[in-house]
C-alpha atoms as a PDB file:
ATOM      1  CA  UNK A   1     -17.165  -6.784  -2.237  1.00  0.00           C
ATOM      2  CA  UNK A   2     -14.960  -3.900  -1.001  1.00  0.00           C
ATOM      3  CA  UNK A   3     -14.835  -2.674   1.605  1.00  0.00           C
ATOM      4  CA  UNK A   4     -14.185   1.686   2.643  1.00  0.00           C
ATOM      5  CA  UNK A   5     -13.727   3.016   5.677  1.00  0.00           C
ATOM      6  CA  UNK A   6     -15.557   6.412   6.426  1.00  0.00           C
ATOM      7  CA  UNK A   7     -16.212   8.406   9.848  1.00  0.00           C
ATOM      8  CA  UNK A   8     -20.053   7.019   9.569  1.00  0.00           C
ATOM      9  CA  UNK A   9     -18.108   2.944   9.736  1.00  0.00           C
ATOM     10  CA  UNK A  10     -17.559   0.811   7.108  1.00  0.00           C
ATOM     11  CA  UNK A  11     -19.390   1.267   4.054  1.00  0.00           C
ATOM     12  CA  UNK A  12     -19.927  -2.524   1.915  1.00  0.00           C
ATOM     13  CA  UNK A  13     -19.851  -1.929  -2.002  1.00  0.00           C
ATOM     14  CA  UNK A  14     -21.404  -5.295  -3.348  1.00  0.00           C
ATOM     15  CA  UNK A  15     -23.221  -5.822  -6.181  1.00  0.00           C
ATOM     16  CA  UNK A  16     -23.353  -2.442  -7.030  1.00  0.00           C
ATOM     17  CA  UNK A  17     -25.346  -1.537  -3.893  1.00  0.00           C
ATOM     18  CA  UNK A  18     -23.267   0.574  -1.034  1.00  0.00           C
ATOM     19  CA  UNK A  19     -23.953  -0.544   2.410  1.00  0.00           C
ATOM     20  CA  UNK A  20     -23.324   1.033   5.971  1.00  0.00           C
ATOM     21  CA  UNK A  21     -22.476  -1.051   8.927  1.00  0.00           C
ATOM     22  CA  UNK A  22     -22.751   1.186  11.286  1.00  0.00           C
ATOM     23  CA  UNK A  23     -22.942  -1.490  14.182  1.00  0.00           C
ATOM     24  CA  UNK A  24     -18.934  -2.554  13.328  1.00  0.00           C
ATOM     25  CA  UNK A  25     -15.482  -0.850  13.290  1.00  0.00           C
ATOM     26  CA  UNK A  26     -13.001  -1.801  11.003  1.00  0.00           C
ATOM     27  CA  UNK A  27     -10.832  -3.262  13.907  1.00  0.00           C
ATOM     28  CA  UNK A  28     -13.641  -5.799  14.903  1.00  0.00           C
ATOM     29  CA  UNK A  29     -13.433  -7.020  10.520  1.00  0.00           C
ATOM     30  CA  UNK A  30      -9.489  -7.533  11.402  1.00  0.00           C
ATOM     31  CA  UNK A  31     -10.008  -8.816  14.929  1.00  0.00           C
ATOM     32  CA  UNK A  32     -12.248 -11.483  13.441  1.00  0.00           C
ATOM     33  CA  UNK A  33     -11.513 -15.256  12.021  1.00  0.00           C
ATOM     34  CA  UNK A  34     -13.403 -14.945   9.335  1.00  0.00           C
ATOM     35  CA  UNK A  35     -14.307 -10.742   8.182  1.00  0.00           C
ATOM     36  CA  UNK A  36     -16.150 -11.733   5.377  1.00  0.00           C
ATOM     37  CA  UNK A  37     -18.716 -14.087   6.422  1.00  0.00           C
ATOM     38  CA  UNK A  38     -19.034 -11.330   9.414  1.00  0.00           C
ATOM     39  CA  UNK A  39     -18.923  -8.619   6.548  1.00  0.00           C
ATOM     40  CA  UNK A  40     -21.836 -11.094   4.429  1.00  0.00           C
ATOM     41  CA  UNK A  41     -23.952 -11.427   8.247  1.00  0.00           C
ATOM     42  CA  UNK A  42     -24.290  -7.286   8.885  1.00  0.00           C
ATOM     43  CA  UNK A  43     -24.874  -6.752   5.145  1.00  0.00           C
ATOM     44  CA  UNK A  44     -28.417  -8.009   6.838  1.00  0.00           C
ATOM     45  CA  UNK A  45     -28.567  -4.901   8.923  1.00  0.00           C
ATOM     46  CA  UNK A  46     -27.230  -2.209   7.271  1.00  0.00           C
ATOM     47  CA  UNK A  47     -28.400   1.154   5.620  1.00  0.00           C
ATOM     48  CA  UNK A  48     -28.163   1.007   1.849  1.00  0.00           C
ATOM     49  CA  UNK A  49     -26.064   4.655   0.752  1.00  0.00           C
ATOM     50  CA  UNK A  50     -24.916   5.716  -1.853  1.00  0.00           C
ATOM     51  CA  UNK A  51     -21.715   5.055  -3.607  1.00  0.00           C
ATOM     52  CA  UNK A  52     -18.761   6.037  -2.264  1.00  0.00           C
ATOM     53  CA  UNK A  53     -17.853   9.532  -4.429  1.00  0.00           C
ATOM     54  CA  UNK A  54     -14.220   8.622  -5.387  1.00  0.00           C
ATOM     55  CA  UNK A  55     -14.243  12.513  -7.157  1.00  0.00           C
ATOM     56  CA  UNK A  56     -13.011  13.894  -3.727  1.00  0.00           C
ATOM     57  CA  UNK A  57     -11.757  12.936  -0.385  1.00  0.00           C
ATOM     58  CA  UNK A  58     -11.962   9.129   0.690  1.00  0.00           C
ATOM     59  CA  UNK A  59     -10.160   7.895   4.083  1.00  0.00           C
ATOM     60  CA  UNK A  60      -8.059   5.143   4.555  1.00  0.00           C
ATOM     61  CA  UNK A  61      -9.468   1.866   4.483  1.00  0.00           C
ATOM     62  CA  UNK A  62      -7.642   1.301   7.931  1.00  0.00           C
ATOM     63  CA  UNK A  63      -8.433   1.470  11.852  1.00  0.00           C
ATOM     64  CA  UNK A  64      -6.189   1.151  14.474  1.00  0.00           C
ATOM     65  CA  UNK A  65      -3.826  -1.275  12.202  1.00  0.00           C
ATOM     66  CA  UNK A  66       0.169  -0.921  11.926  1.00  0.00           C
ATOM     67  CA  UNK A  67       1.071  -0.648   8.459  1.00  0.00           C
ATOM     68  CA  UNK A  68       4.575  -2.321   7.168  1.00  0.00           C
ATOM     69  CA  UNK A  69       6.190  -3.113   3.979  1.00  0.00           C
ATOM     70  CA  UNK A  70       8.502  -5.490   2.339  1.00  0.00           C
ATOM     71  CA  UNK A  71      11.428  -4.990   0.430  1.00  0.00           C
ATOM     72  CA  UNK A  72      12.823  -6.126  -2.947  1.00  0.00           C
ATOM     73  CA  UNK A  73      10.480  -8.490  -3.912  1.00  0.00           C
ATOM     74  CA  UNK A  74      10.991  -7.192  -7.729  1.00  0.00           C
ATOM     75  CA  UNK A  75      13.611  -8.060  -9.851  1.00  0.00           C
ATOM     76  CA  UNK A  76      13.156  -4.647 -10.487  1.00  0.00           C
ATOM     77  CA  UNK A  77      13.059  -3.627  -7.460  1.00  0.00           C
ATOM     78  CA  UNK A  78      16.570  -4.857  -6.711  1.00  0.00           C
ATOM     79  CA  UNK A  79      17.800  -3.867  -9.446  1.00  0.00           C
ATOM     80  CA  UNK A  80      16.928   0.013  -8.790  1.00  0.00           C
ATOM     81  CA  UNK A  81      17.779  -0.493  -4.843  1.00  0.00           C
ATOM     82  CA  UNK A  82      21.392  -1.742  -5.889  1.00  0.00           C
ATOM     83  CA  UNK A  83      21.865   1.215  -8.096  1.00  0.00           C
ATOM     84  CA  UNK A  84      21.169   3.928  -5.291  1.00  0.00           C
ATOM     85  CA  UNK A  85      23.202   2.489  -3.490  1.00  0.00           C
ATOM     86  CA  UNK A  86      26.051   1.298  -5.175  1.00  0.00           C
ATOM     87  CA  UNK A  87      28.056   4.328  -4.027  1.00  0.00           C
ATOM     88  CA  UNK A  88      27.344   3.758  -0.249  1.00  0.00           C
ATOM     89  CA  UNK A  89      29.053   0.257  -1.526  1.00  0.00           C
ATOM     90  CA  UNK A  90      25.998  -1.505   0.039  1.00  0.00           C
ATOM     91  CA  UNK A  91      24.108  -2.900  -3.268  1.00  0.00           C
ATOM     92  CA  UNK A  92      25.272  -6.297  -2.268  1.00  0.00           C
ATOM     93  CA  UNK A  93      23.191  -6.954   0.560  1.00  0.00           C
ATOM     94  CA  UNK A  94      20.009  -5.699  -2.238  1.00  0.00           C
ATOM     95  CA  UNK A  95      20.979  -8.497  -4.345  1.00  0.00           C
ATOM     96  CA  UNK A  96      21.186 -10.901  -1.245  1.00  0.00           C
ATOM     97  CA  UNK A  97      17.830 -10.237   0.115  1.00  0.00           C
ATOM     98  CA  UNK A  98      16.127 -10.991  -3.233  1.00  0.00           C
ATOM     99  CA  UNK A  99      17.501 -14.379  -3.052  1.00  0.00           C
ATOM    100  CA  UNK A 100      17.248 -14.834   0.759  1.00  0.00           C
ATOM    101  CA  UNK A 101      14.512 -16.808   2.478  1.00  0.00           C
ATOM    102  CA  UNK A 102      13.601 -13.963   4.761  1.00  0.00           C
ATOM    103  CA  UNK A 103      12.630 -10.879   3.584  1.00  0.00           C
ATOM    104  CA  UNK A 104      12.801  -7.304   3.799  1.00  0.00           C
ATOM    105  CA  UNK A 105      10.286  -5.844   5.919  1.00  0.00           C
ATOM    106  CA  UNK A 106       9.800  -2.962   7.267  1.00  0.00           C
ATOM    107  CA  UNK A 107       7.545  -0.340   9.618  1.00  0.00           C
ATOM    108  CA  UNK A 108       5.739   2.545   7.808  1.00  0.00           C
ATOM    109  CA  UNK A 109       2.996   3.998   9.668  1.00  0.00           C
ATOM    110  CA  UNK A 110      -0.004   3.699  11.268  1.00  0.00           C
ATOM    111  CA  UNK A 111      -3.456   4.767  10.213  1.00  0.00           C
ATOM    112  CA  UNK A 112      -3.510   8.339  11.388  1.00  0.00           C
ATOM    113  CA  UNK A 113      -0.874   8.557   9.998  1.00  0.00           C
ATOM    114  CA  UNK A 114      -1.686   7.017   6.724  1.00  0.00           C
ATOM    115  CA  UNK A 115      -3.141   9.134   3.838  1.00  0.00           C
ATOM    116  CA  UNK A 116      -6.401   8.298   1.680  1.00  0.00           C
ATOM    117  CA  UNK A 117      -7.286   8.318  -1.434  1.00  0.00           C
ATOM    118  CA  UNK A 118      -7.301  12.459  -3.331  1.00  0.00           C
ATOM    119  CA  UNK A 119      -5.003  12.966   0.201  1.00  0.00           C
ATOM    120  CA  UNK A 120      -1.478  14.339  -0.313  1.00  0.00           C
ATOM    121  CA  UNK A 121       1.110  12.846   0.146  1.00  0.00           C
ATOM    122  CA  UNK A 122       4.908  14.650   0.359  1.00  0.00           C
ATOM    123  CA  UNK A 123       8.677  14.474  -0.716  1.00  0.00           C
ATOM    124  CA  UNK A 124      10.765  14.790   2.341  1.00  0.00           C
ATOM    125  CA  UNK A 125      12.006  18.502   1.982  1.00  0.00           C
ATOM    126  CA  UNK A 126      15.386  17.412   2.899  1.00  0.00           C
ATOM    127  CA  UNK A 127      15.581  14.781  -0.359  1.00  0.00           C
ATOM    128  CA  UNK A 128      16.733  15.544  -3.602  1.00  0.00           C
ATOM    129  CA  UNK A 129      15.452  12.138  -5.440  1.00  0.00           C
ATOM    130  CA  UNK A 130      12.056  11.164  -4.138  1.00  0.00           C
ATOM    131  CA  UNK A 131       9.210   8.654  -6.351  1.00  0.00           C
ATOM    132  CA  UNK A 132       6.022   6.961  -5.444  1.00  0.00           C
ATOM    133  CA  UNK A 133       6.656   2.923  -5.209  1.00  0.00           C
ATOM    134  CA  UNK A 134       2.943   1.522  -5.678  1.00  0.00           C
ATOM    135  CA  UNK A 135       2.436  -1.827  -4.081  1.00  0.00           C
ATOM    136  CA  UNK A 136      -0.357  -4.349  -3.828  1.00  0.00           C
ATOM    137  CA  UNK A 137      -1.191  -4.207  -0.052  1.00  0.00           C
ATOM    138  CA  UNK A 138      -2.848  -7.569   2.172  1.00  0.00           C
ATOM    139  CA  UNK A 139      -5.235  -6.487   4.907  1.00  0.00           C
ATOM    140  CA  UNK A 140      -4.279  -9.294   7.518  1.00  0.00           C
ATOM    141  CA  UNK A 141      -6.173 -10.295  10.214  1.00  0.00           C
ATOM    142  CA  UNK A 142      -5.146 -10.230  14.072  1.00  0.00           C
ATOM    143  CA  UNK A 143      -4.625 -14.435  13.357  1.00  0.00           C
ATOM    144  CA  UNK A 144      -2.414 -13.316  10.590  1.00  0.00           C
ATOM    145  CA  UNK A 145      -4.527 -14.364   7.958  1.00  0.00           C
ATOM    146  CA  UNK A 146      -5.175 -12.338   4.846  1.00  0.00           C
ATOM    147  CA  UNK A 147      -8.460 -11.625   3.770  1.00  0.00           C
ATOM    148  CA  UNK A 148      -8.321  -8.731   1.297  1.00  0.00           C
ATOM    149  CA  UNK A 149      -6.324  -6.612  -0.773  1.00  0.00           C
ATOM    150  CA  UNK A 150      -5.836  -2.871  -0.989  1.00  0.00           C
ATOM    151  CA  UNK A 151      -3.460  -0.265  -2.864  1.00  0.00           C
ATOM    152  CA  UNK A 152      -0.485   0.862  -1.501  1.00  0.00           C
ATOM    153  CA  UNK A 153       2.030   3.933  -2.040  1.00  0.00           C
ATOM    154  CA  UNK A 154       5.289   3.298  -0.670  1.00  0.00           C
ATOM    155  CA  UNK A 155       6.665   7.041  -0.945  1.00  0.00           C
ATOM    156  CA  UNK A 156      10.560   6.762  -0.662  1.00  0.00           C
ATOM    157  CA  UNK A 157      13.373   9.137  -0.604  1.00  0.00           C
ATOM    158  CA  UNK A 158      15.856   7.494  -2.687  1.00  0.00           C
ATOM    159  CA  UNK A 159      18.673   9.515  -2.585  1.00  0.00           C
ATOM    160  CA  UNK A 160      18.801   9.082   1.773  1.00  0.00           C
ATOM    161  CA  UNK A 161      18.228   5.638   1.633  1.00  0.00           C
ATOM    162  CA  UNK A 162      20.553   4.960  -0.865  1.00  0.00           C
ATOM    163  CA  UNK A 163      23.443   7.122   1.181  1.00  0.00           C
ATOM    164  CA  UNK A 164      22.981   4.398   3.780  1.00  0.00           C
ATOM    165  CA  UNK A 165      21.101   1.548   4.283  1.00  0.00           C
ATOM    166  CA  UNK A 166      20.757   2.551   8.056  1.00  0.00           C
ATOM    167  CA  UNK A 167      18.910   5.572   7.082  1.00  0.00           C
ATOM    168  CA  UNK A 168      15.968   4.074   5.758  1.00  0.00           C
ATOM    169  CA  UNK A 169      13.705   4.597   8.015  1.00  0.00           C
ATOM    170  CA  UNK A 170      14.107   8.408   7.274  1.00  0.00           C
ATOM    171  CA  UNK A 171      13.654   7.693   3.778  1.00  0.00           C
ATOM    172  CA  UNK A 172      10.533   6.110   4.407  1.00  0.00           C
ATOM    173  CA  UNK A 173       8.872   7.107   7.605  1.00  0.00           C
ATOM    174  CA  UNK A 174       7.608  10.351   7.277  1.00  0.00           C
ATOM    175  CA  UNK A 175       4.647  12.959   7.012  1.00  0.00           C
ATOM    176  CA  UNK A 176       2.806  11.796   4.425  1.00  0.00           C
ATOM    177  CA  UNK A 177       4.501   8.836   3.457  1.00  0.00           C
ATOM    178  CA  UNK A 178       2.175   6.104   3.001  1.00  0.00           C
ATOM    179  CA  UNK A 179      -1.186   6.557   1.576  1.00  0.00           C
ATOM    180  CA  UNK A 180      -4.001   4.144   1.812  1.00  0.00           C
ATOM    181  CA  UNK A 181      -6.720   2.937  -0.722  1.00  0.00           C
ATOM    182  CA  UNK A 182      -9.111   3.626  -1.422  1.00  0.00           C
ATOM    183  CA  UNK A 183     -10.705   0.346  -0.369  1.00  0.00           C
ATOM    184  CA  UNK A 184     -10.269  -3.627   0.441  1.00  0.00           C
ATOM    185  CA  UNK A 185     -11.098  -5.789  -1.730  1.00  0.00           C
ATOM    186  CA  UNK A 186     -12.149  -8.821   0.809  1.00  0.00           C
ATOM    187  CA  UNK A 187     -11.068 -11.487  -1.471  1.00  0.00           C
ATOM    188  CA  UNK A 188      -9.028 -14.732  -0.629  1.00  0.00           C
ATOM    189  CA  UNK A 189      -6.063 -13.834  -3.445  1.00  0.00           C
ATOM    190  CA  UNK A 190      -5.837 -11.629  -6.597  1.00  0.00           C
ATOM    191  CA  UNK A 191      -5.018 -13.503  -9.993  1.00  0.00           C
ATOM    192  CA  UNK A 192      -1.657 -13.312 -11.259  1.00  0.00           C
ATOM    193  CA  UNK A 193      -2.260 -11.508 -14.839  1.00  0.00           C
ATOM    194  CA  UNK A 194      -3.476  -8.824 -12.136  1.00  0.00           C
ATOM    195  CA  UNK A 195      -2.145  -5.344 -14.022  1.00  0.00           C
ATOM    196  CA  UNK A 196      -0.387  -2.820 -11.278  1.00  0.00           C
ATOM    197  CA  UNK A 197      -0.273   0.611 -13.303  1.00  0.00           C
ATOM    198  CA  UNK A 198       0.821   4.096 -12.066  1.00  0.00           C
ATOM    199  CA  UNK A 199       0.953   7.052 -13.986  1.00  0.00           C
ATOM    200  CA  UNK A 200       2.565  10.536 -12.776  1.00  0.00           C
ATOM    201  CA  UNK A 201       0.900  13.565 -14.218  1.00  0.00           C
ATOM    202  CA  UNK A 202       3.317  17.302 -13.725  1.00  0.00           C
ATOM    203  CA  UNK A 203       0.789  20.273 -15.063  1.00  0.00           C
ATOM    204  CA  UNK A 204      -1.424  18.023 -17.355  1.00  0.00           C
ATOM    205  CA  UNK A 205       1.114  16.305 -18.922  1.00  0.00           C
ATOM    206  CA  UNK A 206       2.166  12.375 -18.200  1.00  0.00           C
ATOM    207  CA  UNK A 207       5.211  12.246 -17.239  1.00  0.00           C
ATOM    208  CA  UNK A 208       5.427   8.732 -16.180  1.00  0.00           C
ATOM    209  CA  UNK A 209       3.398   5.667 -17.276  1.00  0.00           C
ATOM    210  CA  UNK A 210       4.207   2.350 -16.210  1.00  0.00           C
ATOM    211  CA  UNK A 211       2.584  -1.050 -15.604  1.00  0.00           C
ATOM    212  CA  UNK A 212       3.645  -4.757 -13.893  1.00  0.00           C
ATOM    213  CA  UNK A 213       1.510  -7.637 -12.674  1.00  0.00           C
ATOM    214  CA  UNK A 214       1.349  -9.110  -9.353  1.00  0.00           C
ATOM    215  CA  UNK A 215       2.576 -12.405 -11.536  1.00  0.00           C
ATOM    216  CA  UNK A 216       6.045 -11.090 -11.343  1.00  0.00           C
ATOM    217  CA  UNK A 217       5.955 -10.635  -7.212  1.00  0.00           C
ATOM    218  CA  UNK A 218       8.252 -13.063  -5.883  1.00  0.00           C
ATOM    219  CA  UNK A 219       6.914 -14.347  -2.920  1.00  0.00           C
ATOM    220  CA  UNK A 220       3.574 -15.079  -1.715  1.00  0.00           C
ATOM    221  CA  UNK A 221       1.228 -12.628   0.193  1.00  0.00           C
ATOM    222  CA  UNK A 222       1.320 -15.613   2.444  1.00  0.00           C
ATOM    223  CA  UNK A 223       4.853 -16.383   2.634  1.00  0.00           C
ATOM    224  CA  UNK A 224       5.089 -12.616   3.598  1.00  0.00           C
ATOM    225  CA  UNK A 225       2.814 -12.413   6.306  1.00  0.00           C
ATOM    226  CA  UNK A 226       3.966 -15.209   7.526  1.00  0.00           C
ATOM    227  CA  UNK A 227       7.419 -13.581   8.200  1.00  0.00           C
ATOM    228  CA  UNK A 228       5.160  -9.841   9.636  1.00  0.00           C
ATOM    229  CA  UNK A 229       3.904 -12.434  12.415  1.00  0.00           C
ATOM    230  CA  UNK A 230       6.596 -14.508  13.474  1.00  0.00           C
ATOM    231  CA  UNK A 231       7.949 -13.272  16.644  1.00  0.00           C
ATOM    232  CA  UNK A 232       5.271 -10.442  16.861  1.00  0.00           C
ATOM    233  CA  UNK A 233       2.025  -9.600  17.638  1.00  0.00           C
ATOM    234  CA  UNK A 234      -1.022  -7.362  15.802  1.00  0.00           C
ATOM    235  CA  UNK A 235      -3.722  -7.458  17.673  1.00  0.00           C
ATOM    236  CA  UNK A 236      -5.727  -5.137  15.566  1.00  0.00           C
ATOM    237  CA  UNK A 237      -4.073  -7.089  12.435  1.00  0.00           C
ATOM    238  CA  UNK A 238      -1.994  -5.413   9.513  1.00  0.00           C
ATOM    239  CA  UNK A 239      -1.920  -4.352   6.751  1.00  0.00           C
ATOM    240  CA  UNK A 240       1.193  -5.198   4.871  1.00  0.00           C
ATOM    241  CA  UNK A 241       2.849  -3.353   1.847  1.00  0.00           C
ATOM    242  CA  UNK A 242       4.212  -5.614  -0.932  1.00  0.00           C
ATOM    243  CA  UNK A 243       7.156  -4.135  -2.586  1.00  0.00           C
ATOM    244  CA  UNK A 244       7.136  -2.360  -6.157  1.00  0.00           C
ATOM    245  CA  UNK A 245       7.793  -4.056  -9.566  1.00  0.00           C
ATOM    246  CA  UNK A 246       7.668  -0.095 -10.782  1.00  0.00           C
ATOM    247  CA  UNK A 247      10.326   2.464 -10.330  1.00  0.00           C
ATOM    248  CA  UNK A 248      10.390   5.462 -12.274  1.00  0.00           C
ATOM    249  CA  UNK A 249      14.109   5.565 -14.307  1.00  0.00           C
ATOM    250  CA  UNK A 250      17.061   7.343 -14.002  1.00  0.00           C
ATOM    251  CA  UNK A 251      17.036  10.459 -11.072  1.00  0.00           C
ATOM    252  CA  UNK A 252      13.342  10.464 -11.677  1.00  0.00           C
ATOM    253  CA  UNK A 253      11.881  12.796  -8.909  1.00  0.00           C
ATOM    254  CA  UNK A 254       8.428  13.779  -7.718  1.00  0.00           C
ATOM    255  CA  UNK A 255       7.482  17.555  -7.745  1.00  0.00           C
ATOM    256  CA  UNK A 256       4.960  19.206  -5.754  1.00  0.00           C
ATOM    257  CA  UNK A 257       1.631  19.371  -7.792  1.00  0.00           C
ATOM    258  CA  UNK A 258       2.410  16.203  -9.463  1.00  0.00           C
ATOM    259  CA  UNK A 259      -0.298  13.689  -9.351  1.00  0.00           C
ATOM    260  CA  UNK A 260       0.335   9.924  -9.143  1.00  0.00           C
ATOM    261  CA  UNK A 261      -2.407   7.697  -9.801  1.00  0.00           C
ATOM    262  CA  UNK A 262      -2.013   3.841  -8.697  1.00  0.00           C
ATOM    263  CA  UNK A 263      -4.805   1.327 -10.084  1.00  0.00           C
ATOM    264  CA  UNK A 264      -4.664  -2.694  -9.077  1.00  0.00           C
ATOM    265  CA  UNK A 265      -6.994  -4.376 -11.378  1.00  0.00           C
ATOM    266  CA  UNK A 266     -10.246  -5.094  -8.892  1.00  0.00           C
ATOM    267  CA  UNK A 267      -9.521  -3.313  -6.312  1.00  0.00           C
ATOM    268  CA  UNK A 268      -9.817   0.160  -7.973  1.00  0.00           C
ATOM    269  CA  UNK A 269      -7.525   3.221  -8.126  1.00  0.00           C
ATOM    270  CA  UNK A 270      -5.715   5.638  -5.499  1.00  0.00           C
ATOM    271  CA  UNK A 271      -5.017   9.201  -6.137  1.00  0.00           C
ATOM    272  CA  UNK A 272      -2.362  11.000  -4.366  1.00  0.00           C
ATOM    273  CA  UNK A 273      -1.239  15.416  -5.056  1.00  0.00           C
ATOM    274  CA  UNK A 274       1.848  15.603  -4.098  1.00  0.00           C
ATOM    275  CA  UNK A 275       2.302  18.604  -2.030  1.00  0.00           C
ATOM    276  CA  UNK A 276       5.868  20.318  -0.579  1.00  0.00           C
END
C-alpha cells in the first residue's frame, strides 16, 4: 500500500487502484495507533481516482510532521564524514559515533519546507562542495511506532560541515535542503536486500550512479525511532531519515541543472532537479 499526499487529501494506491480519502488528513494518519487499520477502514468510503502522475510535481507525503535525520549509520558515511572533517581535527568524533550506542540525530526541516517529487532542491550559494544523500526514511506515529517508509534526499554542504562540526545545522538545514517522496510505503518492514540507488545526470550525461542495500544500515529503524522519541514528543508524528550509504566520490559537487534520482525498491523513485 502506497500513501500519497495531495491538496484534495491522502491517496492510497493498492492493487493498481488509486483511492482518494478526502475525509482524512495526513496528520490524522500519523496520530493513529494503527495507521494501516485506519487506512483499510477508510478505503471503503473513498473515491477512486486516476493513478498519480509521477511525470509532474508530487507534494511530499508530509503534513505537520517534523523531519529529522540520523547520521553516520553506514560505514561509507562514516568514512566520508571523517574525510571531509580531517583538516578540522574532528574526524575522531565521527568514528566514535559510528560505534556508540547513541546515534547522531539532527533536525532537518518541516513539511512546509520539504520539496516533493519533481520539486527543485538547492546547493547553498556559500558552499563549494554540496552533495545529495539518498536515505531510507521512516514514517513514525505520534506514539513512536514505525508504520511506513519513504525516500529522503538529505542535501548537505560538505565543506561547511567539514570546517567545523558546530556548523552542522548550516550545512544541513537551509532552503531547498530536503526532499521527501513520492509516497509512503505502509508496511511493518522493508527486506534487508532492498536496493537504494542514486543517479545524478548533468546535461543528459550520467555523472554518478551508485547503489547499496538496506542491509548496510548499521542501526535498526526501531532503534533510531526510539532514540528520536526519547525525552521528546511529536504530537503529529515524525519523519526520520536514516543516514546514507552512498556518497559521490572525491570533491564532486552539484551544479544547477543537475537531476538527482533516488530509487528504493517497493517505494518508487524520487526525482529532483538542482537549482541555483
